[in-house]
C-alpha atoms as a PDB file:
ATOM      1  CA  MET A   1      91.444   0.835  25.726  1.00  0.00           C
ATOM      2  CA  GLY A   2      92.299   2.927  28.689  1.00  0.00           C
ATOM      3  CA  VAL A   3      91.810   6.078  27.256  1.00  0.00           C
ATOM      4  CA  ALA A   4      88.505   5.358  26.364  1.00  0.00           C
ATOM      5  CA  VAL A   5      87.631   4.181  29.863  1.00  0.00           C
ATOM      6  CA  PHE A   6      88.901   7.354  31.250  1.00  0.00           C
ATOM      7  CA  SER A   7      87.420   9.454  28.536  1.00  0.00           C
ATOM      8  CA  PHE A   8      84.138   7.727  29.706  1.00  0.00           C
ATOM      9  CA  VAL A   9      84.578   8.565  33.491  1.00  0.00           C
ATOM     10  CA  VAL A  10      85.311  12.044  33.056  1.00  0.00           C
ATOM     11  CA  ILE A  11      82.489  12.564  30.643  1.00  0.00           C
ATOM     12  CA  PHE A  12      79.908  10.772  33.526  1.00  0.00           C
ATOM     13  CA  LEU A  13      81.576  13.016  36.162  1.00  0.00           C
ATOM     14  CA  LEU A  14      80.766  15.983  34.505  1.00  0.00           C
ATOM     15  CA  ILE A  15      77.231  15.069  33.395  1.00  0.00           C
ATOM     16  CA  GLY A  16      76.493  13.895  37.165  1.00  0.00           C
ATOM     17  CA  SER A  17      77.839  17.557  38.443  1.00  0.00           C
ATOM     18  CA  ALA A  18      75.816  19.313  36.357  1.00  0.00           C
ATOM     19  CA  GLY A  19      72.611  17.526  37.032  1.00  0.00           C
ATOM     20  CA  LEU A  20      73.447  17.818  40.636  1.00  0.00           C
ATOM     21  CA  ILE A  21      73.622  21.548  40.429  1.00  0.00           C
ATOM     22  CA  LEU A  22      70.260  21.684  38.163  1.00  0.00           C
ATOM     23  CA  PHE A  23      68.426  19.901  40.238  1.00  0.00           C
ATOM     24  CA  TYR A  24      69.845  20.633  43.741  1.00  0.00           C
ATOM     25  CA  ARG A  25      70.568  24.351  43.397  1.00  0.00           C
ATOM     26  CA  GLU A  26      67.763  25.975  45.223  1.00  0.00           C
ATOM     27  CA  ALA A  27      68.550  23.509  47.926  1.00  0.00           C
ATOM     28  CA  MET A  28      72.222  24.443  48.215  1.00  0.00           C
ATOM     29  CA  LEU A  29      71.094  28.553  48.105  1.00  0.00           C
ATOM     30  CA  GLN A  30      68.571  27.867  50.927  1.00  0.00           C
ATOM     31  CA  ARG A  31      71.582  26.181  53.072  1.00  0.00           C
ATOM     32  CA  ILE A  32      74.066  29.054  51.916  1.00  0.00           C
ATOM     33  CA  ALA A  33      71.692  31.656  53.314  1.00  0.00           C
ATOM     34  CA  ALA A  34      70.898  29.933  56.692  1.00  0.00           C
ATOM     35  CA  VAL A  35      74.594  29.710  57.416  1.00  0.00           C
ATOM     36  CA  THR A  36      75.393  33.052  56.230  1.00  0.00           C
ATOM     37  CA  THR A  37      72.163  34.469  58.323  1.00  0.00           C
ATOM     38  CA  GLN A  38      73.131  32.299  61.257  1.00  0.00           C
ATOM     39  CA  ARG A  39      76.634  33.853  61.379  1.00  0.00           C
ATOM     40  CA  ALA A  40      75.266  37.218  61.047  1.00  0.00           C
ATOM     41  CA  LYS A  41      72.979  37.104  63.819  1.00  0.00           C
ATOM     42  CA  PRO A  42      74.269  37.353  67.343  1.00  0.00           C
ATOM     43  CA  ARG A  43      73.648  34.760  69.621  1.00  0.00           C
ATOM     44  CA  GLY A  44      73.137  34.494  73.666  1.00  0.00           C
ATOM     45  CA  ILE A  45      74.066  37.396  75.968  1.00  0.00           C
ATOM     46  CA  ARG A  46      76.700  38.639  74.244  1.00  0.00           C
ATOM     47  CA  GLY A  47      74.617  39.378  71.376  1.00  0.00           C
ATOM     48  CA  THR A  48      72.232  40.866  73.734  1.00  0.00           C
ATOM     49  CA  MET A  49      74.747  43.305  75.148  1.00  0.00           C
ATOM     50  CA  GLN A  50      76.175  44.007  71.812  1.00  0.00           C
ATOM     51  CA  GLU A  51      72.535  45.007  70.637  1.00  0.00           C
ATOM     52  CA  THR A  52      72.078  47.125  73.947  1.00  0.00           C
ATOM     53  CA  GLY A  53      75.048  48.717  73.650  1.00  0.00           C
ATOM     54  CA  ALA A  54      74.639  49.923  70.306  1.00  0.00           C
ATOM     55  CA  GLN A  55      71.393  51.320  71.388  1.00  0.00           C
ATOM     56  CA  ILE A  56      72.825  53.199  74.121  1.00  0.00           C
ATOM     57  CA  THR A  57      75.658  54.513  72.143  1.00  0.00           C
ATOM     58  CA  SER A  58      73.003  55.786  69.857  1.00  0.00           C
ATOM     59  CA  VAL A  59      70.840  57.391  72.257  1.00  0.00           C
ATOM     60  CA  VAL A  60      73.989  59.084  73.607  1.00  0.00           C
ATOM     61  CA  GLU A  61      75.161  60.378  70.392  1.00  0.00           C
ATOM     62  CA  ARG A  62      71.558  62.031  69.995  1.00  0.00           C
ATOM     63  CA  LEU A  63      72.033  63.585  73.592  1.00  0.00           C
ATOM     64  CA  GLU A  64      75.333  65.289  72.687  1.00  0.00           C
ATOM     65  CA  ARG A  65      73.648  67.547  70.237  1.00  0.00           C
ATOM     66  CA  VAL A  66      71.918  69.397  73.174  1.00  0.00           C
ATOM     67  CA  LEU A  67      75.151  70.544  74.667  1.00  0.00           C
ATOM     68  CA  PRO A  68      76.796  73.817  73.322  1.00  0.00           C
ATOM     69  CA  LYS A  69      79.987  73.643  72.173  1.00  0.00           C
ATOM     70  CA  SER A  70      82.489  75.781  70.165  1.00  0.00           C
ATOM     71  CA  ASP A  71      85.082  74.549  67.424  1.00  0.00           C
ATOM     72  CA  ALA A  72      88.182  75.255  69.496  1.00  0.00           C
ATOM     73  CA  GLU A  73      86.927  73.564  72.500  1.00  0.00           C
ATOM     74  CA  VAL A  74      85.841  70.590  70.162  1.00  0.00           C
ATOM     75  CA  SER A  75      89.442  70.365  68.749  1.00  0.00           C
ATOM     76  CA  VAL A  76      91.012  70.267  72.020  1.00  0.00           C
ATOM     77  CA  VAL A  77      88.756  67.565  73.318  1.00  0.00           C
ATOM     78  CA  LYS A  78      89.353  65.716  70.128  1.00  0.00           C
ATOM     79  CA  GLN A  79      93.243  65.981  70.680  1.00  0.00           C
ATOM     80  CA  ARG A  80      92.767  64.688  74.521  1.00  0.00           C
ATOM     81  CA  LEU A  81      90.709  61.695  73.090  1.00  0.00           C
ATOM     82  CA  ILE A  82      93.288  60.965  70.649  1.00  0.00           C
ATOM     83  CA  ARG A  83      95.886  61.057  73.500  1.00  0.00           C
ATOM     84  CA  ALA A  84      94.097  58.468  75.386  1.00  0.00           C
ATOM     85  CA  GLY A  85      93.569  56.187  72.214  1.00  0.00           C
ATOM     86  CA  PHE A  86      90.331  57.116  70.870  1.00  0.00           C
ATOM     87  CA  ARG A  87      90.391  58.289  67.379  1.00  0.00           C
ATOM     88  CA  ASN A  88      86.723  57.553  66.295  1.00  0.00           C
ATOM     89  CA  ASP A  89      84.436  60.193  65.474  1.00  0.00           C
ATOM     90  CA  SER A  90      82.054  58.509  67.494  1.00  0.00           C
ATOM     91  CA  THR A  91      83.792  58.858  70.441  1.00  0.00           C
ATOM     92  CA  LEU A  92      83.567  62.574  70.746  1.00  0.00           C
ATOM     93  CA  LYS A  93      79.858  62.025  70.291  1.00  0.00           C
ATOM     94  CA  ALA A  94      79.888  59.545  73.131  1.00  0.00           C
ATOM     95  CA  PHE A  95      81.847  61.960  75.306  1.00  0.00           C
ATOM     96  CA  TYR A  96      79.455  64.861  75.089  1.00  0.00           C
ATOM     97  CA  GLY A  97      76.555  62.596  75.474  1.00  0.00           C
ATOM     98  CA  ALA A  98      78.254  61.413  78.666  1.00  0.00           C
ATOM     99  CA  LYS A  99      78.406  64.948  80.074  1.00  0.00           C
ATOM    100  CA  LEU A 100      74.682  65.045  79.847  1.00  0.00           C
ATOM    101  CA  VAL A 101      73.754  61.430  80.943  1.00  0.00           C
ATOM    102  CA  THR A 102      76.125  61.258  84.057  1.00  0.00           C
ATOM    103  CA  PRO A 103      74.329  64.104  85.785  1.00  0.00           C
ATOM    104  CA  LEU A 104      70.947  62.864  85.210  1.00  0.00           C
ATOM    105  CA  ILE A 105      71.711  59.420  86.727  1.00  0.00           C
ATOM    106  CA  LEU A 106      73.169  61.054  89.690  1.00  0.00           C
ATOM    107  CA  CYS A 107      70.139  63.091  90.220  1.00  0.00           C
ATOM    108  CA  ILE A 108      68.164  59.907  89.678  1.00  0.00           C
ATOM    109  CA  LEU A 109      70.327  58.251  92.255  1.00  0.00           C
ATOM    110  CA  LEU A 110      69.591  60.918  94.494  1.00  0.00           C
ATOM    111  CA  LEU A 111      65.806  60.862  93.982  1.00  0.00           C
ATOM    112  CA  VAL A 112      65.747  57.135  94.695  1.00  0.00           C
ATOM    113  CA  THR A 113      67.719  57.077  97.653  1.00  0.00           C
ATOM    114  CA  GLY A 114      66.135  60.010  99.417  1.00  0.00           C
ATOM    115  CA  VAL A 115      69.363  61.967 100.108  1.00  0.00           C
ATOM    116  CA  GLY A 116      68.391  64.678  97.945  1.00  0.00           C
ATOM    117  CA  HIS A 117      65.258  65.475 100.580  1.00  0.00           C
ATOM    118  CA  TYR A 118      67.683  66.980 103.185  1.00  0.00           C
ATOM    119  CA  SER A 119      68.849  69.787 101.231  1.00  0.00           C
ATOM    120  CA  PRO A 120      67.567  69.527  97.366  1.00  0.00           C
ATOM    121  CA  PHE A 121      69.227  72.565  95.980  1.00  0.00           C
ATOM    122  CA  PHE A 122      72.466  71.559  97.311  1.00  0.00           C
ATOM    123  CA  PHE A 123      72.708  67.934  96.255  1.00  0.00           C
ATOM    124  CA  TYR A 124      71.215  68.342  93.118  1.00  0.00           C
ATOM    125  CA  LEU A 125      73.724  71.416  92.302  1.00  0.00           C
ATOM    126  CA  VAL A 126      76.643  69.043  93.551  1.00  0.00           C
ATOM    127  CA  ALA A 127      75.242  66.200  91.421  1.00  0.00           C
ATOM    128  CA  LEU A 128      74.896  68.318  88.517  1.00  0.00           C
ATOM    129  CA  GLY A 129      78.538  69.617  88.553  1.00  0.00           C
ATOM    130  CA  VAL A 130      80.183  66.519  89.664  1.00  0.00           C
ATOM    131  CA  GLY A 131      78.278  64.523  86.798  1.00  0.00           C
ATOM    132  CA  PHE A 132      79.242  66.883  84.287  1.00  0.00           C
ATOM    133  CA  MET A 133      83.003  66.799  85.341  1.00  0.00           C
ATOM    134  CA  VAL A 134      83.457  63.193  85.680  1.00  0.00           C
ATOM    135  CA  PRO A 135      83.894  62.403  82.055  1.00  0.00           C
ATOM    136  CA  ASP A 136      86.660  64.837  82.048  1.00  0.00           C
ATOM    137  CA  PHE A 137      88.234  63.246  85.106  1.00  0.00           C
ATOM    138  CA  TRP A 138      87.764  59.669  83.799  1.00  0.00           C
ATOM    139  CA  LEU A 139      89.564  61.075  80.612  1.00  0.00           C
ATOM    140  CA  THR A 140      92.556  62.451  82.156  1.00  0.00           C
ATOM    141  CA  ASN A 141      93.267  59.399  84.133  1.00  0.00           C
ATOM    142  CA  ARG A 142      92.966  57.484  81.002  1.00  0.00           C
ATOM    143  CA  ILE A 143      95.456  59.968  79.311  1.00  0.00           C
ATOM    144  CA  LYS A 144      97.805  59.813  82.224  1.00  0.00           C
ATOM    145  CA  LYS A 145      97.954  55.684  82.179  1.00  0.00           C
ATOM    146  CA  ARG A 146      98.650  55.613  78.364  1.00  0.00           C
ATOM    147  CA  LYS A 147     101.484  58.147  78.940  1.00  0.00           C
ATOM    148  CA  SER A 148     102.876  55.944  81.530  1.00  0.00           C
ATOM    149  CA  ASN A 149     102.393  53.012  79.476  1.00  0.00           C
ATOM    150  CA  ILE A 150     104.276  54.519  76.484  1.00  0.00           C
ATOM    151  CA  MET A 151     107.043  55.844  78.892  1.00  0.00           C
ATOM    152  CA  ARG A 152     107.493  52.405  80.166  1.00  0.00           C
ATOM    153  CA  GLY A 153     107.731  50.622  77.032  1.00  0.00           C
ATOM    154  CA  LEU A 154     109.772  53.192  74.842  1.00  0.00           C
ATOM    155  CA  PRO A 155     113.348  51.840  75.695  1.00  0.00           C
ATOM    156  CA  ASP A 156     112.024  48.121  74.964  1.00  0.00           C
ATOM    157  CA  ALA A 157     110.713  49.448  71.598  1.00  0.00           C
ATOM    158  CA  LEU A 158     113.956  51.431  70.995  1.00  0.00           C
ATOM    159  CA  ASP A 159     116.019  48.277  71.765  1.00  0.00           C
ATOM    160  CA  LEU A 160     113.631  46.306  69.024  1.00  0.00           C
ATOM    161  CA  LEU A 161     114.203  49.009  66.853  1.00  0.00           C
ATOM    162  CA  ILE A 162     118.069  48.892  67.274  1.00  0.00           C
ATOM    163  CA  ILE A 163     118.222  45.068  66.406  1.00  0.00           C
ATOM    164  CA  CYS A 164     115.995  45.478  63.294  1.00  0.00           C
ATOM    165  CA  VAL A 165     118.340  48.398  61.834  1.00  0.00           C
ATOM    166  CA  GLU A 166     121.395  46.492  62.768  1.00  0.00           C
ATOM    167  CA  ALA A 167     120.019  43.223  61.202  1.00  0.00           C
ATOM    168  CA  GLY A 168     119.673  45.501  57.737  1.00  0.00           C
ATOM    169  CA  LEU A 169     116.209  46.800  57.698  1.00  0.00           C
ATOM    170  CA  SER A 170     115.661  50.199  57.407  1.00  0.00           C
ATOM    171  CA  LEU A 171     114.144  52.784  59.872  1.00  0.00           C
ATOM    172  CA  ASP A 172     110.438  52.790  58.313  1.00  0.00           C
ATOM    173  CA  GLN A 173     110.964  48.899  58.181  1.00  0.00           C
ATOM    174  CA  ALA A 174     111.975  48.716  61.677  1.00  0.00           C
ATOM    175  CA  VAL A 175     109.050  50.850  63.097  1.00  0.00           C
ATOM    176  CA  ALA A 176     106.634  48.532  61.429  1.00  0.00           C
ATOM    177  CA  ARG A 177     108.103  45.295  62.399  1.00  0.00           C
ATOM    178  CA  ALA A 178     108.370  46.773  66.072  1.00  0.00           C
ATOM    179  CA  GLY A 179     104.768  48.114  66.201  1.00  0.00           C
ATOM    180  CA  ASN A 180     103.907  44.363  65.016  1.00  0.00           C
ATOM    181  CA  GLU A 181     106.017  42.641  67.833  1.00  0.00           C
ATOM    182  CA  LEU A 182     104.880  44.921  70.797  1.00  0.00           C
ATOM    183  CA  SER A 183     101.213  44.520  70.009  1.00  0.00           C
ATOM    184  CA  VAL A 184     100.784  42.016  72.945  1.00  0.00           C
ATOM    185  CA  THR A 185     102.954  43.520  75.533  1.00  0.00           C
ATOM    186  CA  ARG A 186     102.966  47.340  75.053  1.00  0.00           C
ATOM    187  CA  PRO A 187      99.555  47.851  73.110  1.00  0.00           C
ATOM    188  CA  ASP A 188      99.453  51.591  73.338  1.00  0.00           C
ATOM    189  CA  LEU A 189     103.214  51.841  72.086  1.00  0.00           C
ATOM    190  CA  SER A 190     102.498  49.802  69.459  1.00  0.00           C
ATOM    191  CA  ASP A 191      99.055  51.081  68.175  1.00  0.00           C
ATOM    192  CA  GLU A 192     101.436  54.407  67.869  1.00  0.00           C
ATOM    193  CA  LEU A 193     104.057  52.919  65.797  1.00  0.00           C
ATOM    194  CA  VAL A 194     101.825  51.435  63.451  1.00  0.00           C
ATOM    195  CA  ILE A 195     100.407  54.649  62.678  1.00  0.00           C
ATOM    196  CA  VAL A 196     103.930  56.032  62.003  1.00  0.00           C
ATOM    197  CA  ALA A 197     104.337  53.476  59.745  1.00  0.00           C
ATOM    198  CA  LEU A 198     100.964  53.778  57.890  1.00  0.00           C
ATOM    199  CA  GLU A 199     101.917  57.414  57.226  1.00  0.00           C
ATOM    200  CA  GLN A 200     105.226  56.975  56.035  1.00  0.00           C
ATOM    201  CA  SER A 201     103.640  54.527  53.619  1.00  0.00           C
ATOM    202  CA  ALA A 202     101.172  56.696  52.646  1.00  0.00           C
ATOM    203  CA  GLY A 203     103.580  59.370  51.591  1.00  0.00           C
ATOM    204  CA  ARG A 204     104.270  61.297  54.381  1.00  0.00           C
ATOM    205  CA  PRO A 205     107.637  62.685  55.163  1.00  0.00           C
ATOM    206  CA  ARG A 206     109.556  61.031  57.932  1.00  0.00           C
ATOM    207  CA  GLY A 207     110.068  63.918  59.800  1.00  0.00           C
ATOM    208  CA  GLU A 208     106.511  64.938  60.028  1.00  0.00           C
ATOM    209  CA  ALA A 209     105.463  61.639  60.632  1.00  0.00           C
ATOM    210  CA  TRP A 210     107.443  61.755  64.015  1.00  0.00           C
ATOM    211  CA  LYS A 211     106.247  64.822  64.902  1.00  0.00           C
ATOM    212  CA  ASN A 212     102.642  63.831  64.632  1.00  0.00           C
ATOM    213  CA  PHE A 213     103.723  60.900  67.008  1.00  0.00           C
ATOM    214  CA  ALA A 214     105.088  63.201  69.344  1.00  0.00           C
ATOM    215  CA  THR A 215     102.032  65.555  69.188  1.00  0.00           C
ATOM    216  CA  ARG A 216      99.478  62.693  69.765  1.00  0.00           C
ATOM    217  CA  THR A 217     101.160  61.179  72.671  1.00  0.00           C
ATOM    218  CA  ASP A 218     102.041  64.236  74.262  1.00  0.00           C
ATOM    219  CA  VAL A 219     105.302  62.475  76.244  1.00  0.00           C
ATOM    220  CA  GLU A 220     108.623  64.377  77.092  1.00  0.00           C
ATOM    221  CA  ALA A 221     110.860  61.321  76.083  1.00  0.00           C
ATOM    222  CA  VAL A 222     108.957  60.947  72.972  1.00  0.00           C
ATOM    223  CA  ARG A 223     109.545  64.385  72.034  1.00  0.00           C
ATOM    224  CA  SER A 224     113.080  63.803  72.674  1.00  0.00           C
ATOM    225  CA  LEU A 225     113.532  61.089  70.672  1.00  0.00           C
ATOM    226  CA  VAL A 226     111.737  62.482  67.730  1.00  0.00           C
ATOM    227  CA  SER A 227     114.390  65.525  67.979  1.00  0.00           C
ATOM    228  CA  VAL A 228     117.048  63.111  68.211  1.00  0.00           C
ATOM    229  CA  LEU A 229     116.053  61.297  65.146  1.00  0.00           C
ATOM    230  CA  ILE A 230     115.319  64.202  63.234  1.00  0.00           C
ATOM    231  CA  GLN A 231     118.815  65.622  63.727  1.00  0.00           C
ATOM    232  CA  SER A 232     120.562  62.290  63.253  1.00  0.00           C
ATOM    233  CA  GLU A 233     118.550  62.001  59.734  1.00  0.00           C
ATOM    234  CA  LYS A 234     119.799  65.546  58.946  1.00  0.00           C
ATOM    235  CA  PHE A 235     123.410  65.229  59.737  1.00  0.00           C
ATOM    236  CA  GLY A 236     123.664  61.794  58.587  1.00  0.00           C
ATOM    237  CA  THR A 237     124.793  59.856  62.002  1.00  0.00           C
ATOM    238  CA  SER A 238     124.215  56.439  62.758  1.00  0.00           C
ATOM    239  CA  ILE A 239     120.580  55.521  63.277  1.00  0.00           C
ATOM    240  CA  ALA A 240     121.506  52.549  65.576  1.00  0.00           C
ATOM    241  CA  ARG A 241     123.881  54.313  67.724  1.00  0.00           C
ATOM    242  CA  THR A 242     121.621  57.091  68.358  1.00  0.00           C
ATOM    243  CA  LEU A 243     118.812  54.903  69.236  1.00  0.00           C
ATOM    244  CA  ARG A 244     121.318  52.951  71.560  1.00  0.00           C
ATOM    245  CA  VAL A 245     122.369  56.056  73.351  1.00  0.00           C
ATOM    246  CA  HIS A 246     118.830  57.256  73.983  1.00  0.00           C
ATOM    247  CA  SER A 247     117.752  54.114  75.062  1.00  0.00           C
ATOM    248  CA  ASP A 248     120.488  54.126  77.789  1.00  0.00           C
ATOM    249  CA  THR A 249     119.467  57.570  78.472  1.00  0.00           C
ATOM    250  CA  LEU A 250     115.943  56.720  79.225  1.00  0.00           C
ATOM    251  CA  ARG A 251     116.731  53.593  81.170  1.00  0.00           C
ATOM    252  CA  THR A 252     119.166  55.783  83.486  1.00  0.00           C
ATOM    253  CA  GLN A 253     116.281  58.158  83.619  1.00  0.00           C
ATOM    254  CA  ARG A 254     113.786  55.597  84.890  1.00  0.00           C
ATOM    255  CA  LYS A 255     116.546  54.188  87.272  1.00  0.00           C
ATOM    256  CA  GLN A 256     116.898  57.658  88.906  1.00  0.00           C
ATOM    257  CA  LYS A 257     113.078  58.386  88.929  1.00  0.00           C
ATOM    258  CA  VAL A 258     112.587  55.145  90.962  1.00  0.00           C
ATOM    259  CA  GLU A 259     115.431  56.017  93.208  1.00  0.00           C
ATOM    260  CA  GLU A 260     113.769  59.289  93.859  1.00  0.00           C
ATOM    261  CA  GLN A 261     110.696  57.716  94.654  1.00  0.00           C
ATOM    262  CA  ALA A 262     112.196  55.378  96.974  1.00  0.00           C
ATOM    263  CA  ALA A 263     113.863  58.347  98.571  1.00  0.00           C
ATOM    264  CA  LYS A 264     110.520  60.073  99.061  1.00  0.00           C
ATOM    265  CA  THR A 265     108.905  57.457 101.019  1.00  0.00           C
ATOM    266  CA  THR A 266     110.598  58.387 104.331  1.00  0.00           C
ATOM    267  CA  VAL A 267     109.063  61.658 104.115  1.00  0.00           C
ATOM    268  CA  LYS A 268     105.807  60.038 103.349  1.00  0.00           C
ATOM    269  CA  LEU A 269     106.122  57.571 106.000  1.00  0.00           C
ATOM    270  CA  VAL A 270     106.089  60.762 108.644  1.00  0.00           C
ATOM    271  CA  PHE A 271     102.315  61.401 108.545  1.00  0.00           C
ATOM    272  CA  PRO A 272     101.142  57.718 109.035  1.00  0.00           C
ATOM    273  CA  LEU A 273     103.677  57.464 111.681  1.00  0.00           C
ATOM    274  CA  VAL A 274     102.578  60.235 113.301  1.00  0.00           C
ATOM    275  CA  PHE A 275      98.635  60.018 113.137  1.00  0.00           C
ATOM    276  CA  PHE A 276      98.131  56.039 113.067  1.00  0.00           C
ATOM    277  CA  ILE A 277     101.181  54.157 114.523  1.00  0.00           C
ATOM    278  CA  PHE A 278     102.527  56.437 117.231  1.00  0.00           C
ATOM    279  CA  PRO A 279      99.001  56.728 119.191  1.00  0.00           C
ATOM    280  CA  SER A 280      98.760  52.870 118.786  1.00  0.00           C
ATOM    281  CA  ILE A 281     102.404  52.366 120.347  1.00  0.00           C
ATOM    282  CA  PHE A 282     101.490  55.113 123.086  1.00  0.00           C
ATOM    283  CA  VAL A 283      98.044  53.370 124.064  1.00  0.00           C
ATOM    284  CA  VAL A 284      99.977  49.945 124.429  1.00  0.00           C
ATOM    285  CA  THR A 285     102.727  51.205 126.211  1.00  0.00           C
ATOM    286  CA  LEU A 286     101.614  53.731 128.521  1.00  0.00           C
ATOM    287  CA  GLY A 287      98.000  52.066 128.959  1.00  0.00           C
ATOM    288  CA  PRO A 288      98.861  49.826 131.309  1.00  0.00           C
ATOM    289  CA  ALA A 289     101.062  52.159 133.414  1.00  0.00           C
ATOM    290  CA  ILE A 290      98.101  55.012 133.352  1.00  0.00           C
ATOM    291  CA  LEU A 291      95.880  52.387 134.719  1.00  0.00           C
ATOM    292  CA  ILE A 292      98.135  51.193 137.476  1.00  0.00           C
ATOM    293  CA  MET A 293      98.289  55.108 138.516  1.00  0.00           C
ATOM    294  CA  ILE A 294      94.577  55.391 138.253  1.00  0.00           C
ATOM    295  CA  GLU A 295      93.916  52.500 140.827  1.00  0.00           C
ATOM    296  CA  SER A 296      96.606  53.997 143.358  1.00  0.00           C
ATOM    297  CA  PHE A 297      95.163  57.418 143.224  1.00  0.00           C
ATOM    298  CA  LYS A 298      91.938  55.975 143.751  1.00  0.00           C
ATOM    299  CA  LYS A 299      93.480  53.982 147.052  1.00  0.00           C
ATOM    300  CA  PHE A 300      95.302  56.898 147.949  1.00  0.00           C
ATOM    301  CA  PHE A 301      92.276  59.118 148.203  1.00  0.00           C
ATOM    302  CA  HIS A 302      89.633  56.634 149.638  1.00  0.00           C
ATOM    303  CA  ASN A 303      92.536  56.047 152.297  1.00  0.00           C
END
């Protein structure tokens, strides 16, 4: 009796489900299409900004074709963009487009503000030159900041690699784990370590992957680390001990650099003292005496 009831319920549910699918299929498809299109469409100010940014990027990429450039120059600019953390091909087009758009914007500002009317040839020539060089200055500053961030985060990454290696992981696994763990605190260094791990997992030799890491970052500490790792792998020495020694060396160098900068402050303070602080002290201390002397001389000469 129980088996018959269970079979009847199962058959009833199957027939009901088939009926719902047949009769309400179009309604379900319409709801699914509405939900997907609603998610795909950007909403509000953020969506408008994304669309505007995409349009501006497309215009800039079209303008970059006007600027003549050689293959050697393009390769150098690509290398600089990679060192700044930009690896997409669109960034190269945006960079050259910015070298054309920025001078035009500066010239428009001179025309709107009326500054260019005083000396049109000089001001517009300066605007064109400065606007053409502004993207290069910005890229150089970005590269310096990224190098500094990688340099500051390298000792912490080495400590994390030491912990992973001593825990039983291989160097390749330790690099991948360190890249994932440092994604929040040291995003630039994490990005480079993830690329090293991906290159090794793709079949590239370890030494070549580490050399590419040194070439991309262009940091002296990374170059020394790569050479130490290659020598350690060649001679079969302990990776953990090598990393620990190199980490201590980097921390010592960083400490010495901070002490050097602190020692230079005494020399750097001479110019503010001479040009700003000492004149103020002279005015405060000698000002009343000079006023008294002037009043005394006035009385003397009047008498």
